[in-house]
Amino acid sequence: MSPRATGPNRARVLVPAIGVPIAIAAAVLVPMQATAAVDLPDKTVEELLEFAEASDVESLSGTIEQRSELGLPDLGALTGGASGGSEGDETDAAASAALEELITLATGSFDAKVYLDDDRARLQVLDRMAERNVYLGPDEAWFVDSETQTATRLTVPADADLEGIEADLRANADEAKAKAEAELPEGAELPTPQQMLDRALERLDETTEVSVGTDGRVAGRDAYELVLEPRTDGTLVGEIRVAIDGENGAALAASVTARGASEPAFSTGFTDVSFAAPDAAVFAFEPADGFTVTEQELPIPSAEEWAQWQADAEARAEGDDGVAPDRHGDRPVVHGEGWATVVEMDAEGGLAEASAALEALTTPVDGGRALQTSLLSVLLTDDGRVLAGSVPVDALVEYAASGR
């Protein structure tokens, strides 16, 4: 078992690494109910974004609903779960089952309780006769299934130099700022946050129509509505709607609707919410007797790996073609722009090496196999490339055929 890591730096890395899906589940919600009884002070798009950006909510608890109609095939094929009689096989089967449950939480439909207090969070999915829980803490995370009596603990590797990585990132940011200031014309200054927001909105407006929708209510709270609609018909996304709490600016509701559809393809949201700090007891977890416990470390680089990654990045920036690809593979090729952007990168191996489970999820197309949901398409080519984007499969096939 890996040594238990402590300290605030561990929390800043672990919670974002594992907690992003839960943060999304807590912030992306069903379309809110518009009502004439709600009449919040008018805000422009810019004012609404500033209001949301200034939100300082760190604690909440409530009930969420998540509904997904992505048109996905049965993802259980990805985790197979064939188990044997040995202890190793049983451990692999438990880890596979936990992965399958996490995939279900990210893509399925469920009702759940969510608790958040600074660097601690808990998602409690209530099933008919059991419950599943994801606990996030400063130095570890747990996925627990009471029905199968399994608990998977995720930890930060003992040799991960989080303080060093954080210091390097801060130094790189300071260096980039100093370089930008040095390159400014005499007498000029770096843009203010307000100017940066104005420029971001100008760039966003080139690809997206952004507007303030109708005031409404989410979980009994008055909320603003922000609407984003792509300006191109080359994407699968039709619109995104986000509800923002009218009192504290917290994200309360959102939905993603596919182009041409009348109902959201993905929505999840609060049916009730409180912004008071939850009782500390809801975040506590210790495996009970009889539970099968497995361990898994997060893929955070060691100090040596991080130093090598930085050296390789600097060499590439200076045009050294002899440097080896970094640990994440060659940099991806980007096709298109905006909502129709497609990312292409090399896979670990060609399609011939893909598992039968993966092939069961895809369909044959010219040059490979593809998976298309209502919001995302993925193409695995016969020559070992992967292309993905919120575009129809035909667009991926065309980019793949055109080469690099």
Protein backbone atom coordinates (compact mmCIF):
# COMPACT_ATOMS: atom_id res chain seq x y z
CA MET A 1 0.00 0.00 0.00
CA SER A 2 1.37 3.41 -0.91
CA PRO A 3 2.23 5.80 1.91
CA ARG A 4 -0.58 8.16 2.76
CA ALA A 5 0.11 11.64 1.37
CA THR A 6 -0.88 14.78 3.22
CA GLY A 7 -0.98 18.54 2.87
CA PRO A 8 -2.86 21.18 0.90
CA ASN A 9 -0.79 20.70 -2.25
CA ARG A 10 -2.00 17.10 -2.47
CA ALA A 11 -5.56 18.33 -2.24
CA ARG A 12 -5.15 20.83 -5.05
CA VAL A 13 -3.90 18.10 -7.38
CA LEU A 14 -5.98 15.10 -6.33
CA VAL A 15 -9.39 16.75 -6.16
CA PRO A 16 -9.21 18.27 -9.66
CA ALA A 17 -7.74 15.08 -11.12
CA ILE A 18 -10.55 12.87 -9.85
CA GLY A 19 -13.22 15.40 -9.12
CA VAL A 20 -13.75 16.94 -12.55
CA PRO A 21 -16.58 14.55 -13.49
CA ILE A 22 -18.28 15.22 -10.15
CA ALA A 23 -17.76 18.96 -10.49
CA ILE A 24 -19.38 18.78 -13.91
CA ALA A 25 -22.22 16.70 -12.50
CA ALA A 26 -22.79 19.32 -9.84
CA ALA A 27 -22.62 22.27 -12.21
CA VAL A 28 -24.30 21.04 -15.39
CA LEU A 29 -27.99 20.65 -14.94
CA VAL A 30 -31.34 20.17 -16.58
CA PRO A 31 -32.87 23.15 -18.39
CA MET A 32 -34.44 25.40 -15.82
CA GLN A 33 -38.13 26.10 -15.60
CA ALA A 34 -38.91 29.57 -16.97
CA THR A 35 -41.52 31.46 -15.01
CA ALA A 36 -42.97 34.94 -15.22
CA ALA A 37 -42.70 35.17 -11.42
CA VAL A 38 -38.91 35.47 -11.69
CA ASP A 39 -37.63 38.90 -12.70
CA LEU A 40 -33.97 39.31 -11.81
CA PRO A 41 -32.07 42.56 -12.49
CA ASP A 42 -31.13 42.67 -16.17
CA LYS A 43 -27.57 41.70 -17.07
CA THR A 44 -25.70 41.69 -20.35
CA VAL A 45 -23.72 38.61 -21.39
CA GLU A 46 -20.54 40.27 -20.18
CA GLU A 47 -22.07 41.20 -16.83
CA LEU A 48 -23.48 37.70 -16.34
CA LEU A 49 -20.10 36.08 -17.04
CA GLU A 50 -18.37 38.45 -14.63
CA PHE A 51 -21.03 37.69 -12.01
CA ALA A 52 -20.50 33.94 -12.38
CA GLU A 53 -16.70 34.31 -12.39
CA ALA A 54 -16.84 36.21 -9.09
CA SER A 55 -18.83 33.44 -7.35
CA ASP A 56 -17.09 32.29 -4.17
CA VAL A 57 -19.28 29.31 -3.31
CA GLU A 58 -17.14 26.55 -1.77
CA SER A 59 -19.75 24.55 0.12
CA LEU A 60 -23.07 23.00 -0.89
CA SER A 61 -25.27 19.96 -0.57
CA GLY A 62 -28.29 18.83 -2.52
CA THR A 63 -29.94 16.32 -4.80
CA ILE A 64 -29.12 16.09 -8.49
CA GLU A 65 -30.71 14.34 -11.43
CA GLN A 66 -28.59 13.24 -14.37
CA ARG A 67 -30.17 12.14 -17.63
CA SER A 68 -28.20 10.97 -20.68
CA GLU A 69 -29.52 10.19 -24.14
CA LEU A 70 -26.21 10.06 -25.99
CA GLY A 71 -27.03 7.07 -28.17
CA LEU A 72 -24.07 5.12 -26.78
CA PRO A 73 -23.77 1.36 -27.19
CA ASP A 74 -23.41 -0.83 -24.12
CA LEU A 75 -20.12 0.33 -22.58
CA GLY A 76 -19.95 -2.77 -20.43
CA ALA A 77 -18.02 -4.35 -23.31
CA LEU A 78 -15.10 -2.09 -22.46
CA THR A 79 -14.65 -3.62 -19.03
CA GLY A 80 -15.48 -7.23 -19.79
CA GLY A 81 -15.02 -8.35 -16.25
CA ALA A 82 -14.07 -11.98 -16.87
CA SER A 83 -12.76 -13.28 -13.60
CA GLY A 84 -10.80 -16.33 -12.67
CA GLY A 85 -10.10 -18.11 -9.45
CA SER A 86 -6.82 -16.49 -8.42
CA GLU A 87 -6.46 -13.53 -6.11
CA GLY A 88 -5.01 -11.48 -8.98
CA ASP A 89 -7.98 -12.29 -11.18
CA GLU A 90 -10.37 -11.29 -8.42
CA THR A 91 -8.55 -7.98 -7.94
CA ASP A 92 -8.65 -7.28 -11.69
CA ALA A 93 -12.35 -8.12 -11.77
CA ALA A 94 -13.05 -5.73 -8.87
CA ALA A 95 -11.10 -2.94 -10.56
CA SER A 96 -12.92 -3.66 -13.85
CA ALA A 97 -16.28 -3.47 -12.10
CA ALA A 98 -15.32 -0.16 -10.49
CA LEU A 99 -14.29 1.23 -13.89
CA GLU A 100 -17.59 0.13 -15.39
CA GLU A 101 -19.50 1.86 -12.58
CA LEU A 102 -17.50 5.08 -13.07
CA ILE A 103 -18.30 5.00 -16.80
CA THR A 104 -21.95 4.62 -15.89
CA LEU A 105 -21.75 7.62 -13.56
CA ALA A 106 -20.25 9.72 -16.35
CA THR A 107 -22.65 8.67 -19.10
CA GLY A 108 -25.74 7.19 -17.48
CA SER A 109 -28.95 8.37 -15.83
CA PHE A 110 -29.33 8.48 -12.07
CA ASP A 111 -30.42 10.46 -9.02
CA ALA A 112 -27.85 11.28 -6.36
CA LYS A 113 -26.89 13.33 -3.37
CA VAL A 114 -23.89 15.64 -3.73
CA TYR A 115 -21.87 17.22 -0.92
CA LEU A 116 -19.03 19.74 -1.29
CA ASP A 117 -16.93 21.57 1.27
CA ASP A 118 -13.69 23.16 0.08
CA ASP A 119 -11.35 20.23 -0.80
CA ARG A 120 -13.77 17.47 0.19
CA ALA A 121 -16.62 16.12 -1.92
CA ARG A 122 -18.98 13.16 -2.03
CA LEU A 123 -21.35 11.84 -4.69
CA GLN A 124 -23.90 9.37 -3.30
CA VAL A 125 -25.89 7.50 -5.97
CA LEU A 126 -29.01 5.91 -4.48
CA ASP A 127 -29.98 2.66 -6.23
CA ARG A 128 -33.10 0.62 -5.52
CA MET A 129 -31.57 -1.68 -2.90
CA ALA A 130 -28.05 -0.27 -2.48
CA GLU A 131 -25.90 2.79 -3.06
CA ARG A 132 -22.69 3.81 -4.78
CA ASN A 133 -20.40 6.51 -3.39
CA VAL A 134 -17.46 8.53 -4.65
CA TYR A 135 -15.51 10.19 -1.83
CA LEU A 136 -12.89 12.85 -2.57
CA GLY A 137 -10.49 14.03 0.11
CA PRO A 138 -7.27 16.02 0.40
CA ASP A 139 -5.05 13.01 -0.27
CA GLU A 140 -7.20 10.18 -1.56
CA ALA A 141 -10.44 9.19 -3.24
CA TRP A 142 -12.71 6.16 -2.88
CA PHE A 143 -15.26 4.53 -5.13
CA VAL A 144 -17.55 2.31 -3.04
CA ASP A 145 -20.34 -0.04 -4.13
CA SER A 146 -22.42 -1.40 -1.26
CA GLU A 147 -24.15 -4.02 -3.45
CA THR A 148 -20.92 -5.73 -4.53
CA GLN A 149 -19.14 -4.76 -1.30
CA THR A 150 -16.15 -3.37 -3.16
CA ALA A 151 -14.07 -0.27 -2.44
CA THR A 152 -11.41 1.16 -4.79
CA ARG A 153 -8.95 3.65 -3.32
CA LEU A 154 -7.21 6.14 -5.63
CA THR A 155 -4.05 7.80 -4.33
CA VAL A 156 -1.27 10.15 -5.38
CA PRO A 157 2.01 8.28 -6.05
CA ALA A 158 4.47 8.58 -3.17
CA ASP A 159 7.23 9.85 -5.53
CA ALA A 160 5.06 12.55 -7.14
CA ASP A 161 6.73 15.92 -6.47
CA LEU A 162 3.57 17.99 -6.32
CA GLU A 163 5.20 20.94 -4.59
CA GLY A 164 7.94 21.00 -7.21
CA ILE A 165 5.45 20.74 -10.07
CA GLU A 166 3.37 23.57 -8.60
CA ALA A 167 6.48 25.74 -8.15
CA ASP A 168 7.57 25.06 -11.75
CA LEU A 169 4.15 25.96 -13.11
CA ARG A 170 4.11 29.18 -11.09
CA ALA A 171 7.63 30.05 -12.30
CA ASN A 172 6.66 29.32 -15.92
CA ALA A 173 3.64 31.61 -15.59
CA ASP A 174 5.79 34.40 -14.13
CA GLU A 175 8.35 33.92 -16.90
CA ALA A 176 5.67 34.06 -19.60
CA LYS A 177 4.24 37.24 -18.08
CA ALA A 178 7.68 38.89 -17.91
CA LYS A 179 8.38 37.92 -21.53
CA ALA A 180 5.05 39.33 -22.69
CA GLU A 181 5.69 42.59 -20.83
CA ALA A 182 9.18 42.89 -22.36
CA GLU A 183 7.78 42.51 -25.88
CA LEU A 184 5.16 45.25 -25.45
CA PRO A 185 5.71 48.59 -27.23
CA GLU A 186 7.15 51.32 -25.03
CA GLY A 187 4.51 52.71 -22.71
CA ALA A 188 2.07 49.83 -23.32
CA GLU A 189 0.77 47.57 -20.56
CA LEU A 190 -0.59 44.06 -20.36
CA PRO A 191 -4.38 43.93 -20.79
CA THR A 192 -6.51 44.17 -17.68
CA PRO A 193 -8.85 41.30 -16.75
CA GLN A 194 -11.71 43.37 -18.15
CA GLN A 195 -9.91 43.85 -21.47
CA MET A 196 -9.09 40.13 -21.60
CA LEU A 197 -12.77 39.29 -21.06
CA ASP A 198 -13.77 41.73 -23.81
CA ARG A 199 -11.32 40.11 -26.24
CA ALA A 200 -12.42 36.60 -25.25
CA LEU A 201 -16.03 37.54 -25.92
CA GLU A 202 -15.06 38.99 -29.30
CA ARG A 203 -13.32 35.76 -30.27
CA LEU A 204 -16.19 33.68 -28.91
CA ASP A 205 -18.67 35.70 -30.93
CA GLU A 206 -16.90 34.63 -34.13
CA THR A 207 -17.95 31.01 -33.57
CA THR A 208 -20.82 31.22 -31.08
CA GLU A 209 -23.95 33.24 -30.60
CA VAL A 210 -24.08 33.99 -26.87
CA SER A 211 -27.17 35.47 -25.29
CA VAL A 212 -28.95 35.85 -21.97
CA GLY A 213 -32.07 33.70 -21.92
CA THR A 214 -35.18 33.83 -19.78
CA ASP A 215 -35.01 34.08 -15.99
CA GLY A 216 -36.29 30.96 -14.26
CA ARG A 217 -36.01 28.72 -11.24
CA VAL A 218 -33.77 25.75 -10.46
CA ALA A 219 -34.18 23.82 -7.23
CA GLY A 220 -36.38 26.60 -5.91
CA ARG A 221 -33.81 29.33 -6.58
CA ASP A 222 -34.06 32.26 -9.00
CA ALA A 223 -31.56 31.91 -11.81
CA TYR A 224 -30.24 33.60 -14.92
CA GLU A 225 -29.87 31.63 -18.16
CA LEU A 226 -26.89 31.79 -20.52
CA VAL A 227 -27.43 30.35 -24.02
CA LEU A 228 -24.62 29.33 -26.41
CA GLU A 229 -25.41 28.37 -30.01
CA PRO A 230 -22.73 27.39 -32.56
CA ARG A 231 -22.64 29.57 -35.68
CA THR A 232 -21.82 26.56 -37.87
CA ASP A 233 -23.92 23.59 -38.96
CA GLY A 234 -20.77 21.47 -39.15
CA THR A 235 -21.07 20.38 -35.52
CA LEU A 236 -23.29 17.87 -33.73
CA VAL A 237 -23.96 20.40 -30.94
CA GLY A 238 -27.13 22.44 -31.28
CA GLU A 239 -27.05 24.54 -28.12
CA ILE A 240 -25.87 24.71 -24.54
CA ARG A 241 -27.95 26.32 -21.80
CA VAL A 242 -26.47 27.20 -18.41
CA ALA A 243 -28.40 28.47 -15.38
CA ILE A 244 -26.59 30.74 -12.92
CA ASP A 245 -27.81 31.36 -9.39
CA GLY A 246 -29.21 34.88 -9.19
CA GLU A 247 -27.91 35.42 -5.65
CA ASN A 248 -24.40 33.95 -5.52
CA GLY A 249 -23.43 33.31 -9.17
CA ALA A 250 -22.98 29.55 -8.74
CA ALA A 251 -23.69 27.36 -11.77
CA LEU A 252 -27.09 25.80 -11.16
CA ALA A 253 -28.29 24.41 -14.46
CA ALA A 254 -27.24 23.51 -17.97
CA SER A 255 -28.04 21.13 -20.77
CA VAL A 256 -26.47 20.11 -24.06
CA THR A 257 -28.82 19.54 -27.00
CA ALA A 258 -27.77 17.94 -30.26
CA ARG A 259 -28.38 19.76 -33.53
CA GLY A 260 -31.91 19.20 -34.75
CA ALA A 261 -33.06 17.61 -31.48
CA SER A 262 -35.85 18.92 -29.28
CA GLU A 263 -34.65 17.38 -26.00
CA PRO A 264 -31.19 17.56 -24.36
CA ALA A 265 -28.76 14.73 -25.06
CA PHE A 266 -27.16 15.27 -21.67
CA SER A 267 -28.52 17.01 -18.59
CA THR A 268 -27.94 16.76 -14.90
CA GLY A 269 -29.12 19.00 -12.13
CA PHE A 270 -30.15 19.98 -8.69
CA THR A 271 -33.71 19.39 -7.58
CA ASP A 272 -32.82 20.88 -4.20
CA VAL A 273 -29.67 22.64 -2.99
CA SER A 274 -28.25 24.32 0.11
CA PHE A 275 -25.10 26.42 0.24
CA ALA A 276 -24.43 25.75 3.92
CA ALA A 277 -21.38 23.60 4.78
CA PRO A 278 -22.38 19.91 5.10
CA ASP A 279 -21.71 17.97 8.29
CA ALA A 280 -18.14 16.63 8.27
CA ALA A 281 -19.46 13.11 8.93
CA VAL A 282 -20.81 12.78 5.37
CA PHE A 283 -17.23 12.84 4.02
CA ALA A 284 -15.86 10.11 6.30
CA PHE A 285 -15.31 6.59 4.95
CA GLU A 286 -13.62 3.46 6.23
CA PRO A 287 -14.11 0.08 4.49
CA ALA A 288 -16.33 -2.22 6.52
CA ASP A 289 -15.45 -5.83 7.28
CA GLY A 290 -16.16 -8.05 4.30
CA PHE A 291 -15.44 -5.38 1.66
CA THR A 292 -12.96 -6.17 -1.13
CA VAL A 293 -10.49 -3.27 -1.22
CA THR A 294 -8.27 -2.46 -4.21
CA GLU A 295 -5.66 0.29 -4.69
CA GLN A 296 -4.82 2.38 -7.74
CA GLU A 297 -2.37 5.26 -8.10
CA LEU A 298 -3.10 8.30 -10.23
CA PRO A 299 -0.79 8.77 -13.25
CA ILE A 300 1.01 11.83 -11.83
CA PRO A 301 4.66 12.14 -12.95
CA SER A 302 7.54 11.71 -10.55
CA ALA A 303 10.06 14.52 -10.12
CA GLU A 304 12.36 12.87 -12.69
CA GLU A 305 9.55 12.37 -15.22
CA TRP A 306 8.38 15.96 -14.79
CA ALA A 307 11.92 17.31 -15.28
CA GLN A 308 12.32 15.23 -18.45
CA TRP A 309 8.94 16.38 -19.75
CA GLN A 310 9.97 20.03 -19.24
CA ALA A 311 13.33 19.48 -20.94
CA ASP A 312 11.64 17.84 -23.93
CA ALA A 313 9.07 20.64 -24.15
CA GLU A 314 11.81 23.29 -24.12
CA ALA A 315 13.76 21.40 -26.80
CA ARG A 316 10.69 21.21 -29.04
CA ALA A 317 10.01 24.92 -28.51
CA GLU A 318 13.57 25.64 -29.71
CA GLY A 319 13.06 23.53 -32.82
CA ASP A 320 15.19 20.54 -31.85
CA ASP A 321 13.78 17.84 -34.13
CA GLY A 322 15.89 15.19 -32.46
CA VAL A 323 14.01 15.19 -29.19
CA ALA A 324 11.88 12.15 -28.44
CA PRO A 325 8.11 12.47 -28.10
CA ASP A 326 6.91 13.19 -24.57
CA ARG A 327 5.28 10.58 -22.36
CA HIS A 328 1.85 11.46 -23.77
CA GLY A 329 2.88 10.84 -27.37
CA ASP A 330 3.33 13.25 -30.28
CA ARG A 331 1.38 16.48 -30.16
CA PRO A 332 -2.04 16.07 -31.80
CA VAL A 333 -2.93 17.44 -35.22
CA VAL A 334 -5.87 19.84 -35.14
CA HIS A 335 -8.28 20.10 -38.08
CA GLY A 336 -11.02 22.68 -38.50
CA GLU A 337 -11.85 25.32 -35.90
CA GLY A 338 -14.40 26.30 -33.31
CA TRP A 339 -17.22 23.85 -32.69
CA ALA A 340 -16.16 21.77 -35.71
CA THR A 341 -12.62 21.19 -34.42
CA VAL A 342 -11.26 17.66 -34.89
CA VAL A 343 -8.26 16.34 -32.98
CA GLU A 344 -6.08 13.65 -34.58
CA MET A 345 -3.35 11.69 -32.86
CA ASP A 346 -1.50 8.41 -33.14
CA ALA A 347 -2.88 5.46 -31.18
CA GLU A 348 -0.66 3.03 -29.31
CA GLY A 349 -1.19 0.52 -32.10
CA GLY A 350 -3.20 -0.05 -35.25
CA LEU A 351 -6.79 -1.21 -35.37
CA ALA A 352 -5.58 -4.75 -35.83
CA GLU A 353 -4.41 -4.62 -32.21
CA ALA A 354 -7.73 -3.27 -30.92
CA SER A 355 -9.62 -5.53 -28.60
CA ALA A 356 -12.73 -7.40 -29.63
CA ALA A 357 -14.61 -5.38 -27.01
CA LEU A 358 -13.65 -2.12 -28.73
CA GLU A 359 -14.69 -3.46 -32.11
CA ALA A 360 -18.05 -4.41 -30.64
CA LEU A 361 -18.68 -0.74 -29.86
CA THR A 362 -17.80 0.56 -33.32
CA THR A 363 -19.01 0.15 -36.89
CA PRO A 364 -16.89 -0.23 -40.05
CA VAL A 365 -16.35 2.85 -42.24
CA ASP A 366 -13.91 3.68 -45.03
CA GLY A 367 -10.42 3.39 -43.58
CA GLY A 368 -11.33 2.15 -40.13
CA ARG A 369 -14.04 1.86 -37.52
CA ALA A 370 -16.13 4.62 -35.94
CA LEU A 371 -18.40 5.44 -33.03
CA GLN A 372 -20.89 8.30 -33.25
CA THR A 373 -23.04 9.52 -30.39
CA SER A 374 -25.43 12.43 -30.50
CA LEU A 375 -22.66 14.82 -29.41
CA LEU A 376 -19.31 13.19 -30.23
CA SER A 377 -17.73 11.03 -32.94
CA VAL A 378 -14.56 8.94 -32.78
CA LEU A 379 -12.72 7.29 -35.69
CA LEU A 380 -10.02 4.63 -35.32
CA THR A 381 -8.17 4.29 -38.60
CA ASP A 382 -6.64 1.12 -39.98
CA ASP A 383 -3.18 2.79 -39.98
CA GLY A 384 -3.22 3.53 -36.24
CA ARG A 385 -4.70 7.01 -35.87
CA VAL A 386 -7.56 8.29 -33.70
CA LEU A 387 -9.70 11.26 -34.75
CA ALA A 388 -12.38 12.76 -32.50
CA GLY A 389 -14.68 15.75 -32.47
CA SER A 390 -18.26 16.99 -32.11
CA VAL A 391 -18.79 16.44 -35.84
CA PRO A 392 -20.42 13.74 -38.00
CA VAL A 393 -18.34 10.62 -38.70
CA ASP A 394 -18.19 11.58 -42.39
CA ALA A 395 -16.10 14.62 -41.46
CA LEU A 396 -13.62 12.43 -39.56
CA VAL A 397 -13.37 10.03 -42.49
CA GLU A 398 -12.68 12.94 -44.84
CA TYR A 399 -9.92 14.36 -42.63
CA ALA A 400 -8.37 10.91 -42.22
CA ALA A 401 -8.36 10.34 -45.99
CA SER A 402 -6.77 13.74 -46.67
CA GLY A 403 -3.69 12.83 -44.62
CA ARG A 404 -1.64 15.29 -42.61
